[in-house]
């Protein structure tokens, strides 16, 4: 369970913080795809999912 928390929950918390800072700085959706997620770049599906996840989180955080 610790591994699930570290690689799923903690990544989501980290990404939400990165996107919040991006929004606070006036960042756009197009730029949100490139927020720093490097601490999780070792994950198997990182290349396939990183930009998609950033976009989803951006659209959610945009209306909070």
N, C-alpha and C. Protein backbone atom coordinates (compact mmCIF):
# COMPACT_ATOMS: atom_id res chain seq x y z
N UNK A 1 0.82 -1.20 0.00
CA UNK A 1 0.00 0.00 0.00
C UNK A 1 0.86 1.27 0.00
N UNK A 2 2.00 1.20 0.62
CA UNK A 2 2.89 2.36 0.64
C UNK A 2 3.36 2.76 -0.74
N UNK A 3 3.59 1.77 -1.58
CA UNK A 3 4.02 2.06 -2.95
C UNK A 3 2.90 2.73 -3.75
N UNK A 4 1.68 2.28 -3.55
CA UNK A 4 0.54 2.90 -4.22
C UNK A 4 0.41 4.35 -3.78
N UNK A 5 0.54 4.58 -2.49
CA UNK A 5 0.44 5.95 -1.96
C UNK A 5 1.54 6.84 -2.55
N UNK A 6 2.75 6.31 -2.56
CA UNK A 6 3.89 7.11 -3.02
C UNK A 6 3.79 7.44 -4.51
N UNK A 7 3.35 6.50 -5.31
CA UNK A 7 3.36 6.71 -6.76
C UNK A 7 2.04 7.19 -7.34
N UNK A 8 0.98 7.11 -6.59
CA UNK A 8 -0.31 7.58 -7.11
C UNK A 8 -0.78 8.79 -6.34
N UNK A 9 -1.07 8.61 -5.08
CA UNK A 9 -1.59 9.70 -4.26
C UNK A 9 -0.60 10.86 -4.16
N UNK A 10 0.63 10.53 -3.83
CA UNK A 10 1.63 11.59 -3.66
C UNK A 10 1.92 12.31 -4.98
N UNK A 11 1.90 11.58 -6.08
CA UNK A 11 2.09 12.23 -7.38
C UNK A 11 0.95 13.19 -7.66
N UNK A 12 -0.26 12.79 -7.37
CA UNK A 12 -1.41 13.67 -7.60
C UNK A 12 -1.33 14.92 -6.72
N UNK A 13 -0.96 14.76 -5.47
CA UNK A 13 -0.80 15.91 -4.57
C UNK A 13 0.29 16.84 -5.11
N UNK A 14 1.40 16.27 -5.53
CA UNK A 14 2.49 17.06 -6.09
C UNK A 14 2.03 17.81 -7.34
N UNK A 15 1.36 17.10 -8.24
CA UNK A 15 0.91 17.71 -9.49
C UNK A 15 -0.10 18.82 -9.24
N UNK A 16 -1.01 18.60 -8.31
CA UNK A 16 -1.98 19.64 -7.98
C UNK A 16 -1.28 20.89 -7.46
N UNK A 17 -0.24 20.73 -6.66
CA UNK A 17 0.52 21.88 -6.17
C UNK A 17 1.24 22.61 -7.29
N UNK A 18 1.82 21.85 -8.21
CA UNK A 18 2.50 22.46 -9.35
C UNK A 18 1.51 23.24 -10.22
N UNK A 19 0.35 22.67 -10.46
CA UNK A 19 -0.66 23.32 -11.29
C UNK A 19 -1.22 24.54 -10.57
N UNK A 20 -1.42 24.46 -9.26
CA UNK A 20 -1.92 25.61 -8.50
C UNK A 20 -0.93 26.77 -8.63
N UNK A 21 0.35 26.50 -8.47
CA UNK A 21 1.37 27.55 -8.61
C UNK A 21 1.36 28.11 -10.04
N UNK A 22 1.18 27.24 -11.00
CA UNK A 22 1.12 27.66 -12.40
C UNK A 22 -0.07 28.59 -12.63
N UNK A 23 -1.22 28.23 -12.10
CA UNK A 23 -2.41 29.08 -12.23
C UNK A 23 -2.22 30.40 -11.51
N UNK A 24 -1.64 30.36 -10.32
CA UNK A 24 -1.41 31.59 -9.56
C UNK A 24 -0.49 32.55 -10.30
N UNK A 25 0.39 31.99 -11.13
CA UNK A 25 1.30 32.82 -11.93
C UNK A 25 0.68 33.24 -13.26
N UNK A 26 -0.61 32.91 -13.46
CA UNK A 26 -1.29 33.28 -14.69
C UNK A 26 -1.02 32.35 -15.86
N UNK A 27 -0.57 31.14 -15.56
CA UNK A 27 -0.24 30.18 -16.61
C UNK A 27 -1.45 29.70 -17.39
N UNK A 28 -1.20 29.29 -18.61
CA UNK A 28 -2.25 28.82 -19.50
C UNK A 28 -2.30 27.29 -19.52
N UNK A 29 -3.38 26.78 -20.09
CA UNK A 29 -3.51 25.33 -20.25
C UNK A 29 -2.37 24.79 -21.12
N UNK A 30 -2.06 25.48 -22.18
CA UNK A 30 -1.00 25.01 -23.08
C UNK A 30 0.33 24.86 -22.35
N UNK A 31 0.63 25.78 -21.44
CA UNK A 31 1.87 25.69 -20.68
C UNK A 31 1.78 24.69 -19.53
N UNK A 32 0.57 24.41 -19.06
CA UNK A 32 0.38 23.48 -17.95
C UNK A 32 0.86 22.07 -18.31
N UNK A 33 0.81 21.74 -19.58
CA UNK A 33 1.27 20.41 -20.00
C UNK A 33 2.75 20.19 -19.69
N UNK A 34 3.48 21.27 -19.46
CA UNK A 34 4.92 21.18 -19.27
C UNK A 34 5.38 21.52 -17.85
N UNK A 35 4.46 21.51 -16.87
CA UNK A 35 4.88 21.75 -15.49
C UNK A 35 5.83 20.63 -15.07
N UNK A 36 6.69 20.94 -14.14
CA UNK A 36 7.71 19.99 -13.70
C UNK A 36 7.09 18.81 -12.98
N UNK A 37 7.25 17.64 -13.54
CA UNK A 37 6.84 16.40 -12.89
C UNK A 37 8.03 15.44 -12.80
N UNK A 38 9.22 15.98 -12.91
CA UNK A 38 10.43 15.16 -12.97
C UNK A 38 10.63 14.20 -11.79
N UNK A 39 10.14 14.52 -10.58
CA UNK A 39 10.32 13.55 -9.51
C UNK A 39 9.63 12.21 -9.78
N UNK A 40 8.72 12.18 -10.74
CA UNK A 40 7.97 10.97 -11.05
C UNK A 40 8.28 10.45 -12.45
N UNK A 41 9.31 10.96 -13.09
CA UNK A 41 9.63 10.58 -14.46
C UNK A 41 10.12 9.14 -14.60
N UNK A 42 10.46 8.50 -13.51
CA UNK A 42 10.91 7.11 -13.55
C UNK A 42 9.77 6.11 -13.66
N UNK A 43 8.54 6.56 -13.50
CA UNK A 43 7.39 5.64 -13.57
C UNK A 43 7.20 5.13 -14.99
N UNK A 44 6.74 3.90 -15.11
CA UNK A 44 6.62 3.24 -16.41
C UNK A 44 5.78 4.01 -17.41
N UNK A 45 4.67 4.57 -17.00
CA UNK A 45 3.76 5.24 -17.94
C UNK A 45 3.90 6.75 -17.93
N UNK A 46 4.98 7.25 -17.37
CA UNK A 46 5.16 8.70 -17.26
C UNK A 46 5.04 9.41 -18.60
N UNK A 47 5.76 8.94 -19.60
CA UNK A 47 5.75 9.62 -20.90
C UNK A 47 4.38 9.63 -21.54
N UNK A 48 3.60 8.60 -21.33
CA UNK A 48 2.26 8.52 -21.91
C UNK A 48 1.24 9.37 -21.16
N UNK A 49 1.43 9.53 -19.86
CA UNK A 49 0.38 10.13 -19.04
C UNK A 49 0.68 11.51 -18.45
N UNK A 50 1.91 11.93 -18.41
CA UNK A 50 2.26 13.16 -17.70
C UNK A 50 1.52 14.38 -18.25
N UNK A 51 1.55 14.58 -19.55
CA UNK A 51 0.88 15.77 -20.10
C UNK A 51 -0.63 15.65 -19.97
N UNK A 52 -1.16 14.46 -20.18
CA UNK A 52 -2.61 14.26 -20.04
C UNK A 52 -3.06 14.56 -18.61
N UNK A 53 -2.34 14.03 -17.63
CA UNK A 53 -2.70 14.27 -16.24
C UNK A 53 -2.61 15.75 -15.89
N UNK A 54 -1.59 16.42 -16.39
CA UNK A 54 -1.44 17.86 -16.13
C UNK A 54 -2.63 18.63 -16.69
N UNK A 55 -3.08 18.26 -17.86
CA UNK A 55 -4.25 18.92 -18.46
C UNK A 55 -5.51 18.69 -17.66
N UNK A 56 -5.72 17.46 -17.21
CA UNK A 56 -6.90 17.17 -16.39
C UNK A 56 -6.88 17.96 -15.09
N UNK A 57 -5.73 17.96 -14.43
CA UNK A 57 -5.62 18.68 -13.16
C UNK A 57 -5.81 20.18 -13.38
N UNK A 58 -5.25 20.71 -14.45
CA UNK A 58 -5.42 22.13 -14.75
C UNK A 58 -6.90 22.48 -14.88
N UNK A 59 -7.65 21.70 -15.65
CA UNK A 59 -9.07 22.03 -15.85
C UNK A 59 -9.87 21.91 -14.56
N UNK A 60 -9.48 21.00 -13.68
CA UNK A 60 -10.14 20.89 -12.38
C UNK A 60 -9.79 22.08 -11.48
N UNK A 61 -8.51 22.39 -11.39
CA UNK A 61 -8.06 23.46 -10.49
C UNK A 61 -8.50 24.84 -10.97
N UNK A 62 -8.69 24.98 -12.26
CA UNK A 62 -9.07 26.27 -12.84
C UNK A 62 -10.38 26.78 -12.24
N UNK A 63 -11.26 25.88 -11.83
CA UNK A 63 -12.57 26.28 -11.33
C UNK A 63 -12.70 26.16 -9.82
N UNK A 64 -11.61 25.89 -9.12
CA UNK A 64 -11.67 25.82 -7.65
C UNK A 64 -11.61 27.19 -7.04
